[in-house]
Amino acid sequence: MDGKRRTGLALAAAAAVLWLVFVVMVLATPAGQGATIGAGLIGLLAVPLSVASLVLLLVSVRSSTAAAGRRGRDARIGAPLAVVSLVLFAVSWVLSGSAESLSTETALLAALGGAVLTFLAAAGLFVPSRSSRR
């Protein structure tokens, strides 16, 4: 496994932990109060970590095309998922500036949720199998 892949997976692990803390904080907040400031700050930190890890993982696929066996469980599926996740993160960033109506807020939450789920799936697909780690 090359350095870019290792760094991308380390950033993905850190971002996944932050997303887990974000979800726990949002779910632990009573329904009428909305999300806490701490959850928002964690989300603001998790987004760039997620994007940076996806970019590094995509670059690692490009640089490791010669070593096809070491590309991860299934980088052929992980790479398109990573691109979809990056697009959804961009859509959620664009929608965050105009989230004034209920429909825009719903679209924002859907885009962000989809971005996080595809991020987690893509990062999981980039993890090398046990046989190729040796």
C-alpha atoms as a PDB file:
ATOM      1  CA  MET A   1       0.000   0.000   0.000  1.00  0.00           C
ATOM      2  CA  ASP A   2       1.494   3.338  -1.021  1.00  0.00           C
ATOM      3  CA  GLY A   3       1.781   6.450   1.143  1.00  0.00           C
ATOM      4  CA  LYS A   4      -1.092   8.308  -0.527  1.00  0.00           C
ATOM      5  CA  ARG A   5      -3.461   5.405   0.076  1.00  0.00           C
ATOM      6  CA  ARG A   6      -2.322   5.051   3.687  1.00  0.00           C
ATOM      7  CA  THR A   7      -2.733   8.779   4.347  1.00  0.00           C
ATOM      8  CA  GLY A   8      -6.131   8.822   2.627  1.00  0.00           C
ATOM      9  CA  LEU A   9      -7.336   5.899   4.729  1.00  0.00           C
ATOM     10  CA  ALA A  10      -6.033   7.520   7.917  1.00  0.00           C
ATOM     11  CA  LEU A  11      -7.899  10.738   7.098  1.00  0.00           C
ATOM     12  CA  ALA A  12     -10.987   8.692   6.225  1.00  0.00           C
ATOM     13  CA  ALA A  13     -10.827   6.938   9.600  1.00  0.00           C
ATOM     14  CA  ALA A  14     -10.551  10.280  11.410  1.00  0.00           C
ATOM     15  CA  ALA A  15     -13.439  11.712   9.383  1.00  0.00           C
ATOM     16  CA  ALA A  16     -15.563   8.609  10.047  1.00  0.00           C
ATOM     17  CA  VAL A  17     -15.047   9.046  13.795  1.00  0.00           C
ATOM     18  CA  LEU A  18     -16.018  12.715  13.518  1.00  0.00           C
ATOM     19  CA  TRP A  19     -19.149  11.824  11.524  1.00  0.00           C
ATOM     20  CA  LEU A  20     -20.078   9.272  14.197  1.00  0.00           C
ATOM     21  CA  VAL A  21     -19.676  11.885  16.949  1.00  0.00           C
ATOM     22  CA  PHE A  22     -21.685  14.347  14.841  1.00  0.00           C
ATOM     23  CA  VAL A  23     -24.577  11.895  14.463  1.00  0.00           C
ATOM     24  CA  VAL A  24     -24.536  11.010  18.170  1.00  0.00           C
ATOM     25  CA  MET A  25     -24.581  14.693  19.136  1.00  0.00           C
ATOM     26  CA  VAL A  26     -27.458  15.468  16.768  1.00  0.00           C
ATOM     27  CA  LEU A  27     -29.478  12.471  17.956  1.00  0.00           C
ATOM     28  CA  ALA A  28     -28.786  13.250  21.623  1.00  0.00           C
ATOM     29  CA  THR A  29     -30.164  16.772  21.284  1.00  0.00           C
ATOM     30  CA  PRO A  30     -33.858  17.133  22.218  1.00  0.00           C
ATOM     31  CA  ALA A  31     -36.169  17.530  19.218  1.00  0.00           C
ATOM     32  CA  GLY A  32     -37.175  21.160  19.758  1.00  0.00           C
ATOM     33  CA  GLN A  33     -33.678  22.545  20.263  1.00  0.00           C
ATOM     34  CA  GLY A  34     -32.003  21.765  16.945  1.00  0.00           C
ATOM     35  CA  ALA A  35     -28.371  20.764  16.580  1.00  0.00           C
ATOM     36  CA  THR A  36     -25.764  21.999  19.015  1.00  0.00           C
ATOM     37  CA  ILE A  37     -22.930  24.325  18.118  1.00  0.00           C
ATOM     38  CA  GLY A  38     -20.459  21.553  18.930  1.00  0.00           C
ATOM     39  CA  ALA A  39     -22.093  19.254  16.385  1.00  0.00           C
ATOM     40  CA  GLY A  40     -21.872  21.999  13.781  1.00  0.00           C
ATOM     41  CA  LEU A  41     -18.186  22.553  14.482  1.00  0.00           C
ATOM     42  CA  ILE A  42     -17.492  18.826  14.264  1.00  0.00           C
ATOM     43  CA  GLY A  43     -19.373  18.712  10.964  1.00  0.00           C
ATOM     44  CA  LEU A  44     -17.310  21.654   9.698  1.00  0.00           C
ATOM     45  CA  LEU A  45     -14.152  19.715  10.531  1.00  0.00           C
ATOM     46  CA  ALA A  46     -15.411  16.392   9.143  1.00  0.00           C
ATOM     47  CA  VAL A  47     -16.275  17.756   5.678  1.00  0.00           C
ATOM     48  CA  PRO A  48     -12.761  18.899   4.667  1.00  0.00           C
ATOM     49  CA  LEU A  49     -11.236  15.748   6.170  1.00  0.00           C
ATOM     50  CA  SER A  50     -13.658  13.647   4.115  1.00  0.00           C
ATOM     51  CA  VAL A  51     -12.961  15.573   0.927  1.00  0.00           C
ATOM     52  CA  ALA A  52      -9.176  15.439   1.444  1.00  0.00           C
ATOM     53  CA  SER A  53      -9.273  11.697   2.077  1.00  0.00           C
ATOM     54  CA  LEU A  54     -11.397  11.085  -1.029  1.00  0.00           C
ATOM     55  CA  VAL A  55      -9.013  13.115  -3.179  1.00  0.00           C
ATOM     56  CA  LEU A  56      -5.999  11.232  -1.815  1.00  0.00           C
ATOM     57  CA  LEU A  57      -7.701   7.884  -2.382  1.00  0.00           C
ATOM     58  CA  LEU A  58      -8.570   8.824  -5.955  1.00  0.00           C
ATOM     59  CA  VAL A  59      -5.003   9.973  -6.599  1.00  0.00           C
ATOM     60  CA  SER A  60      -3.705   6.714  -5.138  1.00  0.00           C
ATOM     61  CA  VAL A  61      -5.774   4.738  -7.650  1.00  0.00           C
ATOM     62  CA  ARG A  62      -4.226   6.717 -10.466  1.00  0.00           C
ATOM     63  CA  SER A  63      -0.699   6.207  -9.143  1.00  0.00           C
ATOM     64  CA  SER A  64      -1.098   2.494  -8.412  1.00  0.00           C
ATOM     65  CA  THR A  65      -2.506   1.289 -11.713  1.00  0.00           C
ATOM     66  CA  ALA A  66       0.647  -0.783 -12.241  1.00  0.00           C
ATOM     67  CA  ALA A  67       0.036  -2.690  -9.015  1.00  0.00           C
ATOM     68  CA  ALA A  68      -3.456  -3.915  -9.790  1.00  0.00           C
ATOM     69  CA  GLY A  69      -3.509  -6.421  -6.950  1.00  0.00           C
ATOM     70  CA  ARG A  70      -2.893  -3.766  -4.310  1.00  0.00           C
ATOM     71  CA  ARG A  71      -5.665  -1.383  -5.274  1.00  0.00           C
ATOM     72  CA  GLY A  72      -8.003  -2.354  -2.454  1.00  0.00           C
ATOM     73  CA  ARG A  73     -11.007  -4.601  -2.115  1.00  0.00           C
ATOM     74  CA  ASP A  74     -12.687  -3.147  -5.111  1.00  0.00           C
ATOM     75  CA  ALA A  75     -11.322   0.251  -6.117  1.00  0.00           C
ATOM     76  CA  ARG A  76     -13.156  -0.050  -9.435  1.00  0.00           C
ATOM     77  CA  ILE A  77     -16.362   0.571  -7.484  1.00  0.00           C
ATOM     78  CA  GLY A  78     -14.791   2.738  -4.794  1.00  0.00           C
ATOM     79  CA  ALA A  79     -13.432   5.319  -7.244  1.00  0.00           C
ATOM     80  CA  PRO A  80     -16.827   6.158  -8.825  1.00  0.00           C
ATOM     81  CA  LEU A  81     -18.397   6.229  -5.356  1.00  0.00           C
ATOM     82  CA  ALA A  82     -15.691   8.652  -4.254  1.00  0.00           C
ATOM     83  CA  VAL A  83     -16.512  10.925  -7.195  1.00  0.00           C
ATOM     84  CA  VAL A  84     -20.241  10.751  -6.374  1.00  0.00           C
ATOM     85  CA  SER A  85     -19.435  11.619  -2.770  1.00  0.00           C
ATOM     86  CA  LEU A  86     -17.335  14.611  -3.827  1.00  0.00           C
ATOM     87  CA  VAL A  87     -20.181  15.837  -6.042  1.00  0.00           C
ATOM     88  CA  LEU A  88     -22.677  15.444  -3.187  1.00  0.00           C
ATOM     89  CA  PHE A  89     -20.380  17.334  -0.802  1.00  0.00           C
ATOM     90  CA  ALA A  90     -20.187  20.136  -3.403  1.00  0.00           C
ATOM     91  CA  VAL A  91     -23.992  20.150  -3.806  1.00  0.00           C
ATOM     92  CA  SER A  92     -24.472  20.348  -0.042  1.00  0.00           C
ATOM     93  CA  TRP A  93     -21.983  23.229   0.121  1.00  0.00           C
ATOM     94  CA  VAL A  94     -23.876  25.107  -2.606  1.00  0.00           C
ATOM     95  CA  LEU A  95     -27.248  24.419  -0.983  1.00  0.00           C
ATOM     96  CA  SER A  96     -26.034  25.505   2.453  1.00  0.00           C
ATOM     97  CA  GLY A  97     -25.916  29.118   1.305  1.00  0.00           C
ATOM     98  CA  SER A  98     -29.577  29.155   0.326  1.00  0.00           C
ATOM     99  CA  ALA A  99     -31.230  26.904   2.921  1.00  0.00           C
ATOM    100  CA  GLU A 100     -34.119  29.243   3.700  1.00  0.00           C
ATOM    101  CA  SER A 101     -37.124  27.091   2.795  1.00  0.00           C
ATOM    102  CA  LEU A 102     -38.094  23.676   4.077  1.00  0.00           C
ATOM    103  CA  SER A 103     -37.583  22.064   0.686  1.00  0.00           C
ATOM    104  CA  THR A 104     -34.063  23.469   0.369  1.00  0.00           C
ATOM    105  CA  GLU A 105     -33.215  22.336   3.897  1.00  0.00           C
ATOM    106  CA  THR A 106     -34.512  18.854   3.083  1.00  0.00           C
ATOM    107  CA  ALA A 107     -32.455  18.750  -0.110  1.00  0.00           C
ATOM    108  CA  LEU A 108     -29.404  19.921   1.852  1.00  0.00           C
ATOM    109  CA  LEU A 109     -29.826  17.184   4.460  1.00  0.00           C
ATOM    110  CA  ALA A 110     -30.370  14.576   1.746  1.00  0.00           C
ATOM    111  CA  ALA A 111     -27.244  15.686  -0.140  1.00  0.00           C
ATOM    112  CA  LEU A 112     -25.139  15.750   3.024  1.00  0.00           C
ATOM    113  CA  GLY A 113     -26.445  12.375   4.182  1.00  0.00           C
ATOM    114  CA  GLY A 114     -25.794  10.874   0.760  1.00  0.00           C
ATOM    115  CA  ALA A 115     -22.312  12.388   0.704  1.00  0.00           C
ATOM    116  CA  VAL A 116     -21.432  10.890   4.080  1.00  0.00           C
ATOM    117  CA  LEU A 117     -22.839   7.461   3.223  1.00  0.00           C
ATOM    118  CA  THR A 118     -21.072   7.291  -0.134  1.00  0.00           C
ATOM    119  CA  PHE A 119     -17.885   8.576   1.534  1.00  0.00           C
ATOM    120  CA  LEU A 120     -17.985   5.753   4.070  1.00  0.00           C
ATOM    121  CA  ALA A 121     -18.733   3.155   1.391  1.00  0.00           C
ATOM    122  CA  ALA A 122     -15.982   4.415  -0.909  1.00  0.00           C
ATOM    123  CA  ALA A 123     -13.398   4.548   1.864  1.00  0.00           C
ATOM    124  CA  GLY A 124     -14.328   1.019   2.913  1.00  0.00           C
ATOM    125  CA  LEU A 125     -13.811  -0.218  -0.627  1.00  0.00           C
ATOM    126  CA  PHE A 126     -10.303   1.235  -0.714  1.00  0.00           C
ATOM    127  CA  VAL A 127      -9.147  -0.818   2.267  1.00  0.00           C
ATOM    128  CA  PRO A 128      -6.769  -3.494   0.960  1.00  0.00           C
ATOM    129  CA  SER A 129      -7.652  -7.120   1.583  1.00  0.00           C
ATOM    130  CA  ARG A 130      -5.622  -9.087   4.123  1.00  0.00           C
ATOM    131  CA  SER A 131      -3.851 -11.084   1.425  1.00  0.00           C
ATOM    132  CA  SER A 132      -2.516  -7.970  -0.343  1.00  0.00           C
ATOM    133  CA  ARG A 133      -1.283  -6.288   2.869  1.00  0.00           C
ATOM    134  CA  ARG A 134       1.714  -8.593   3.134  1.00  0.00           C
END
